[in-house]
Amino acid sequence: MSRRTPDAAQSITSAPEPLGADQSRRARRYLQQMSVRVVCFLLAVLLWGRVPMWLSIVFVVGAVVLPYTAVLFANAGRERRDVGPQVVLPPVLGAAPRVRPLAEDTPAPARDDDPPATTRDDDPTGGPR
């Protein structure tokens, strides 16, 4: 039995990353950040009295802040990629046409049930109604 309209094939570029690859990528990134943290801590301890104080403080701040950011990035989970097939629906017959909003300086079109517009020049008393 043959089909005239086959189902759309799944694109390999839109397939999600395998769970094992995602976990290993996050673990690798965590280990890299923690390695930088260890280096910052060792530099802060070894260079405490030998370099300017601001540089030692930068190493201490790096050693304190990096574990927090490493855990945040490691627990971020899988990234969602909402890049899939785009669905385009045909317009519905008999539906009201879309009306674009009017600009503020453009006067609104007159409808059949609106009373006729008058201006001061049309008003015999010269005052507002």
N, C-alpha and C. Protein backbone atom coordinates (compact mmCIF):
# COMPACT_ATOMS: atom_id res chain seq x y z
N MET A 1 0.85 -1.15 0.00
CA MET A 1 0.00 0.00 0.00
C MET A 1 0.91 1.23 0.00
N SER A 2 0.73 2.08 -0.98
CA SER A 2 1.58 3.27 -1.07
C SER A 2 0.79 4.50 -0.63
N ARG A 3 1.54 5.46 -0.17
CA ARG A 3 0.93 6.72 0.25
C ARG A 3 1.28 7.79 -0.76
N ARG A 4 0.34 8.65 -1.01
CA ARG A 4 0.63 9.77 -1.91
C ARG A 4 1.25 10.94 -1.16
N THR A 5 0.87 11.12 0.09
CA THR A 5 1.43 12.21 0.89
C THR A 5 2.10 11.60 2.11
N PRO A 6 3.40 11.33 2.04
CA PRO A 6 4.08 10.73 3.18
C PRO A 6 4.22 11.73 4.32
N ASP A 7 4.35 11.20 5.54
CA ASP A 7 4.57 12.06 6.70
C ASP A 7 5.93 12.74 6.58
N ALA A 8 6.00 13.94 7.15
CA ALA A 8 7.27 14.67 7.11
C ALA A 8 8.29 13.93 7.97
N ALA A 9 9.51 13.83 7.46
CA ALA A 9 10.58 13.14 8.18
C ALA A 9 11.15 14.05 9.26
N GLN A 10 11.60 13.47 10.35
CA GLN A 10 12.21 14.23 11.43
C GLN A 10 13.61 14.65 10.98
N SER A 11 13.88 15.93 11.11
CA SER A 11 15.19 16.46 10.73
C SER A 11 16.19 16.14 11.82
N ILE A 12 17.37 15.68 11.44
CA ILE A 12 18.39 15.32 12.43
C ILE A 12 18.90 16.56 13.14
N THR A 13 18.83 17.73 12.53
CA THR A 13 19.30 18.94 13.19
C THR A 13 18.33 19.41 14.27
N SER A 14 17.08 18.99 14.23
CA SER A 14 16.13 19.40 15.25
C SER A 14 15.99 18.36 16.35
N ALA A 15 16.69 17.23 16.24
CA ALA A 15 16.63 16.21 17.28
C ALA A 15 17.39 16.70 18.52
N PRO A 16 16.88 16.41 19.72
CA PRO A 16 17.57 16.87 20.93
C PRO A 16 18.88 16.11 21.15
N GLU A 17 19.77 16.73 21.91
CA GLU A 17 21.05 16.11 22.26
C GLU A 17 20.78 14.92 23.17
N PRO A 18 21.49 13.80 22.99
CA PRO A 18 21.27 12.65 23.87
C PRO A 18 21.57 13.00 25.33
N LEU A 19 20.86 12.36 26.23
CA LEU A 19 20.99 12.65 27.66
C LEU A 19 22.41 12.41 28.16
N GLY A 20 23.04 11.32 27.74
CA GLY A 20 24.40 11.02 28.18
C GLY A 20 25.39 12.08 27.73
N ALA A 21 25.24 12.56 26.51
CA ALA A 21 26.14 13.62 26.01
C ALA A 21 25.92 14.91 26.77
N ASP A 22 24.66 15.21 27.10
CA ASP A 22 24.36 16.43 27.86
C ASP A 22 24.97 16.35 29.27
N GLN A 23 24.83 15.22 29.92
CA GLN A 23 25.38 15.08 31.26
C GLN A 23 26.90 15.15 31.26
N SER A 24 27.53 14.54 30.29
CA SER A 24 29.01 14.59 30.25
C SER A 24 29.50 16.00 29.93
N ARG A 25 28.77 16.72 29.09
CA ARG A 25 29.16 18.10 28.79
C ARG A 25 29.05 18.98 30.03
N ARG A 26 27.95 18.82 30.79
CA ARG A 26 27.79 19.61 32.01
C ARG A 26 28.81 19.24 33.07
N ALA A 27 29.14 17.94 33.20
CA ALA A 27 30.16 17.52 34.18
C ALA A 27 31.54 18.06 33.79
N ARG A 28 31.85 18.05 32.50
CA ARG A 28 33.13 18.58 32.04
C ARG A 28 33.23 20.08 32.33
N ARG A 29 32.16 20.82 32.09
CA ARG A 29 32.16 22.26 32.36
C ARG A 29 32.29 22.53 33.87
N TYR A 30 31.63 21.71 34.70
CA TYR A 30 31.74 21.86 36.15
C TYR A 30 33.17 21.61 36.61
N LEU A 31 33.80 20.55 36.11
CA LEU A 31 35.17 20.25 36.51
C LEU A 31 36.14 21.34 36.06
N GLN A 32 35.92 21.92 34.89
CA GLN A 32 36.78 23.01 34.44
C GLN A 32 36.65 24.22 35.36
N GLN A 33 35.43 24.57 35.73
CA GLN A 33 35.23 25.72 36.61
C GLN A 33 35.80 25.46 38.00
N MET A 34 35.66 24.26 38.50
CA MET A 34 36.22 23.96 39.81
C MET A 34 37.74 23.91 39.76
N SER A 35 38.33 23.54 38.64
CA SER A 35 39.79 23.58 38.50
C SER A 35 40.28 25.02 38.55
N VAL A 36 39.56 25.93 37.92
CA VAL A 36 39.92 27.34 37.98
C VAL A 36 39.79 27.84 39.42
N ARG A 37 38.81 27.35 40.15
CA ARG A 37 38.62 27.74 41.55
C ARG A 37 39.81 27.28 42.41
N VAL A 38 40.27 26.05 42.17
CA VAL A 38 41.41 25.54 42.94
C VAL A 38 42.65 26.38 42.63
N VAL A 39 42.84 26.73 41.37
CA VAL A 39 43.98 27.56 40.98
C VAL A 39 43.88 28.93 41.66
N CYS A 40 42.71 29.52 41.69
CA CYS A 40 42.52 30.81 42.37
C CYS A 40 42.84 30.70 43.86
N PHE A 41 42.37 29.63 44.48
CA PHE A 41 42.63 29.45 45.92
C PHE A 41 44.12 29.28 46.19
N LEU A 42 44.81 28.46 45.39
CA LEU A 42 46.24 28.25 45.59
C LEU A 42 47.03 29.54 45.35
N LEU A 43 46.67 30.29 44.33
CA LEU A 43 47.36 31.56 44.07
C LEU A 43 47.12 32.56 45.20
N ALA A 44 45.92 32.58 45.74
CA ALA A 44 45.62 33.49 46.85
C ALA A 44 46.45 33.14 48.08
N VAL A 45 46.60 31.84 48.37
CA VAL A 45 47.37 31.42 49.55
C VAL A 45 48.86 31.63 49.33
N LEU A 46 49.38 31.24 48.18
CA LEU A 46 50.82 31.30 47.92
C LEU A 46 51.33 32.72 47.70
N LEU A 47 50.50 33.60 47.15
CA LEU A 47 50.95 34.95 46.81
C LEU A 47 50.42 36.01 47.76
N TRP A 48 49.91 35.63 48.93
CA TRP A 48 49.22 36.58 49.83
C TRP A 48 50.09 37.78 50.19
N GLY A 49 51.28 37.66 50.55
CA GLY A 49 52.10 38.80 50.95
C GLY A 49 53.07 39.27 49.88
N ARG A 50 53.08 38.62 48.72
CA ARG A 50 54.09 38.90 47.69
C ARG A 50 53.56 39.76 46.53
N VAL A 51 52.27 39.88 46.38
CA VAL A 51 51.68 40.66 45.29
C VAL A 51 50.81 41.76 45.91
N PRO A 52 50.41 42.74 45.14
CA PRO A 52 49.51 43.77 45.70
C PRO A 52 48.25 43.15 46.29
N MET A 53 47.72 43.79 47.30
CA MET A 53 46.57 43.26 48.04
C MET A 53 45.35 43.08 47.13
N TRP A 54 45.12 44.00 46.18
CA TRP A 54 43.93 43.89 45.32
C TRP A 54 43.97 42.62 44.49
N LEU A 55 45.16 42.17 44.07
CA LEU A 55 45.27 40.94 43.28
C LEU A 55 44.96 39.72 44.14
N SER A 56 45.41 39.73 45.37
CA SER A 56 45.09 38.62 46.28
C SER A 56 43.59 38.57 46.57
N ILE A 57 42.98 39.74 46.71
CA ILE A 57 41.53 39.80 46.95
C ILE A 57 40.77 39.24 45.73
N VAL A 58 41.24 39.54 44.53
CA VAL A 58 40.59 39.01 43.32
C VAL A 58 40.65 37.49 43.31
N PHE A 59 41.79 36.92 43.70
CA PHE A 59 41.89 35.46 43.76
C PHE A 59 40.96 34.87 44.81
N VAL A 60 40.83 35.52 45.95
CA VAL A 60 39.93 35.03 47.00
C VAL A 60 38.47 35.11 46.54
N VAL A 61 38.10 36.22 45.91
CA VAL A 61 36.73 36.35 45.41
C VAL A 61 36.45 35.29 44.35
N GLY A 62 37.42 35.04 43.47
CA GLY A 62 37.24 33.98 42.47
C GLY A 62 37.06 32.62 43.11
N ALA A 63 37.82 32.34 44.17
CA ALA A 63 37.70 31.05 44.85
C ALA A 63 36.37 30.92 45.58
N VAL A 64 35.78 32.04 45.99
CA VAL A 64 34.51 31.99 46.72
C VAL A 64 33.31 31.95 45.75
N VAL A 65 33.38 32.70 44.67
CA VAL A 65 32.23 32.83 43.76
C VAL A 65 32.13 31.69 42.75
N LEU A 66 33.24 31.14 42.31
CA LEU A 66 33.21 30.12 41.28
C LEU A 66 32.42 28.86 41.65
N PRO A 67 32.45 28.35 42.88
CA PRO A 67 31.63 27.17 43.18
C PRO A 67 30.14 27.42 42.98
N TYR A 68 29.68 28.59 43.36
CA TYR A 68 28.25 28.92 43.20
C TYR A 68 27.87 28.91 41.72
N THR A 69 28.65 29.58 40.89
CA THR A 69 28.33 29.63 39.46
C THR A 69 28.49 28.26 38.82
N ALA A 70 29.47 27.48 39.26
CA ALA A 70 29.66 26.15 38.69
C ALA A 70 28.46 25.25 38.96
N VAL A 71 27.91 25.33 40.17
CA VAL A 71 26.73 24.52 40.51
C VAL A 71 25.52 24.99 39.72
N LEU A 72 25.37 26.30 39.56
CA LEU A 72 24.24 26.81 38.77
C LEU A 72 24.29 26.31 37.34
N PHE A 73 25.46 26.37 36.72
CA PHE A 73 25.58 25.91 35.34
C PHE A 73 25.44 24.39 35.23
N ALA A 74 25.92 23.66 36.22
CA ALA A 74 25.82 22.20 36.17
C ALA A 74 24.38 21.73 36.34
N ASN A 75 23.60 22.45 37.14
CA ASN A 75 22.21 22.05 37.38
C ASN A 75 21.23 22.70 36.41
N ALA A 76 21.73 23.42 35.44
CA ALA A 76 20.84 24.13 34.51
C ALA A 76 20.01 23.15 33.70
N GLY A 77 20.46 21.95 33.50
CA GLY A 77 19.67 20.96 32.77
C GLY A 77 19.82 21.10 31.27
N ARG A 78 19.01 20.34 30.61
CA ARG A 78 19.07 20.34 29.15
C ARG A 78 18.45 21.60 28.61
N GLU A 79 19.08 22.14 27.60
CA GLU A 79 18.53 23.33 26.95
C GLU A 79 17.44 22.89 26.00
N ARG A 80 16.37 23.63 26.00
CA ARG A 80 15.28 23.35 25.07
C ARG A 80 15.54 24.07 23.78
N ARG A 81 15.32 23.37 22.72
CA ARG A 81 15.44 23.98 21.41
C ARG A 81 14.09 23.83 20.74
N ASP A 82 13.41 24.94 20.62
CA ASP A 82 12.09 24.91 20.00
C ASP A 82 12.20 25.18 18.51
N VAL A 83 13.13 24.52 17.88
CA VAL A 83 13.31 24.68 16.44
C VAL A 83 12.76 23.42 15.81
N GLY A 84 11.54 23.47 15.45
CA GLY A 84 10.91 22.32 14.83
C GLY A 84 10.22 22.75 13.56
N PRO A 85 9.46 21.87 13.01
CA PRO A 85 8.74 22.25 11.81
C PRO A 85 7.73 23.35 12.11
N GLN A 86 7.68 24.32 11.27
CA GLN A 86 6.75 25.43 11.41
C GLN A 86 5.41 25.03 10.78
N VAL A 87 4.34 25.23 11.51
CA VAL A 87 3.01 24.90 11.02
C VAL A 87 2.35 26.19 10.55
N VAL A 88 1.89 26.18 9.32
CA VAL A 88 1.18 27.32 8.77
C VAL A 88 -0.23 26.87 8.46
N LEU A 89 -1.18 27.51 9.12
CA LEU A 89 -2.58 27.15 8.91
C LEU A 89 -3.18 28.03 7.82
N PRO A 90 -4.00 27.45 6.97
CA PRO A 90 -4.64 28.27 5.95
C PRO A 90 -5.67 29.18 6.58
N PRO A 91 -5.99 30.30 5.93
CA PRO A 91 -7.00 31.20 6.50
C PRO A 91 -8.37 30.53 6.49
N VAL A 92 -9.18 30.88 7.49
CA VAL A 92 -10.51 30.32 7.62
C VAL A 92 -11.46 31.11 6.73
N LEU A 93 -12.21 30.40 5.91
CA LEU A 93 -13.17 31.06 5.03
C LEU A 93 -14.34 31.58 5.85
N GLY A 94 -14.80 32.77 5.56
CA GLY A 94 -15.94 33.35 6.24
C GLY A 94 -15.57 34.09 7.51
N ALA A 95 -14.32 34.10 7.87
CA ALA A 95 -13.90 34.82 9.07
C ALA A 95 -13.79 36.29 8.75
N ALA A 96 -13.98 37.11 9.77
CA ALA A 96 -13.89 38.56 9.58
C ALA A 96 -12.45 38.93 9.22
N PRO A 97 -12.27 39.84 8.29
CA PRO A 97 -10.91 40.22 7.93
C PRO A 97 -10.25 40.99 9.06
N ARG A 98 -8.94 40.83 9.16
CA ARG A 98 -8.20 41.57 10.18
C ARG A 98 -8.12 43.02 9.78
N VAL A 99 -8.31 43.87 10.77
CA VAL A 99 -8.25 45.31 10.53
C VAL A 99 -7.04 45.84 11.25
N ARG A 100 -6.21 46.56 10.53
CA ARG A 100 -5.02 47.12 11.18
C ARG A 100 -5.44 48.38 11.91
N PRO A 101 -4.79 48.69 13.04
CA PRO A 101 -5.16 49.88 13.80
C PRO A 101 -4.84 51.15 13.02
N LEU A 102 -5.67 52.16 13.24
CA LEU A 102 -5.47 53.43 12.57
C LEU A 102 -4.42 54.24 13.28
N ALA A 103 -3.72 55.05 12.54
CA ALA A 103 -2.77 55.96 13.16
C ALA A 103 -3.55 57.05 13.89
N GLU A 104 -2.92 57.69 14.88
CA GLU A 104 -3.63 58.69 15.67
C GLU A 104 -4.05 59.90 14.86
N ASP A 105 -3.29 60.26 13.85
CA ASP A 105 -3.62 61.45 13.08
C ASP A 105 -4.58 61.16 11.93
N THR A 106 -4.93 59.90 11.71
CA THR A 106 -5.86 59.54 10.65
C THR A 106 -7.27 59.53 11.21
N PRO A 107 -8.22 60.23 10.59
CA PRO A 107 -9.59 60.21 11.11
C PRO A 107 -10.23 58.84 10.89
N ALA A 108 -11.08 58.46 11.81
CA ALA A 108 -11.76 57.18 11.70
C ALA A 108 -12.78 57.25 10.57
N PRO A 109 -12.94 56.17 9.83
CA PRO A 109 -13.94 56.19 8.76
C PRO A 109 -15.35 56.22 9.35
N ALA A 110 -16.25 56.90 8.66
CA ALA A 110 -17.63 57.03 9.11
C ALA A 110 -18.37 55.73 8.86
N ARG A 111 -19.22 55.37 9.84
CA ARG A 111 -20.05 54.19 9.68
C ARG A 111 -21.47 54.64 9.33
N ASP A 112 -22.29 53.72 8.90
CA ASP A 112 -23.65 54.05 8.49
C ASP A 112 -24.50 54.49 9.68
N ASP A 113 -24.23 53.95 10.89
CA ASP A 113 -25.08 54.28 12.03
C ASP A 113 -24.59 55.51 12.80
N ASP A 114 -23.47 56.15 12.40
CA ASP A 114 -22.97 57.35 13.05
C ASP A 114 -23.78 58.57 12.58
N PRO A 115 -24.08 59.52 13.51
CA PRO A 115 -24.75 60.75 13.07
C PRO A 115 -23.76 61.59 12.26
N PRO A 116 -24.25 62.44 11.40
CA PRO A 116 -23.34 63.25 10.59
C PRO A 116 -22.52 64.18 11.49
N ALA A 117 -21.26 64.30 11.14
CA ALA A 117 -20.36 65.14 11.94
C ALA A 117 -20.60 66.60 11.62
N THR A 118 -20.57 67.43 12.67
CA THR A 118 -20.72 68.87 12.48
C THR A 118 -19.49 69.56 13.04
N THR A 119 -19.18 70.69 12.47
CA THR A 119 -18.06 71.49 12.96
C THR A 119 -18.60 72.79 13.50
N ARG A 120 -17.77 73.61 14.07
CA ARG A 120 -18.21 74.92 14.57
C ARG A 120 -18.77 75.78 13.45
N ASP A 121 -18.19 75.64 12.27
CA ASP A 121 -18.68 76.44 11.15
C ASP A 121 -20.10 76.04 10.76
N ASP A 122 -20.45 74.74 10.98
CA ASP A 122 -21.78 74.26 10.63
C ASP A 122 -22.82 74.62 11.70
N ASP A 123 -22.35 74.85 12.92
CA ASP A 123 -23.26 75.11 14.04
C ASP A 123 -23.69 76.59 14.00
N PRO A 124 -25.02 76.87 13.89
CA PRO A 124 -25.46 78.28 13.79
C PRO A 124 -25.24 79.06 15.09
N THR A 125 -25.21 78.39 16.24
CA THR A 125 -25.02 79.13 17.48
C THR A 125 -23.53 79.41 17.77
N GLY A 126 -22.63 78.68 17.11
CA GLY A 126 -21.20 78.90 17.28
C GLY A 126 -20.61 78.21 18.50
N GLY A 127 -21.43 77.53 19.27
CA GLY A 127 -20.93 76.86 20.47
C GLY A 127 -20.90 75.35 20.32
N PRO A 128 -20.31 74.68 21.27
CA PRO A 128 -20.28 73.21 21.19
C PRO A 128 -21.64 72.62 21.51
N ARG A 129 -21.91 71.50 21.03
CA ARG A 129 -23.19 70.82 21.27
C ARG A 129 -23.09 69.91 22.43
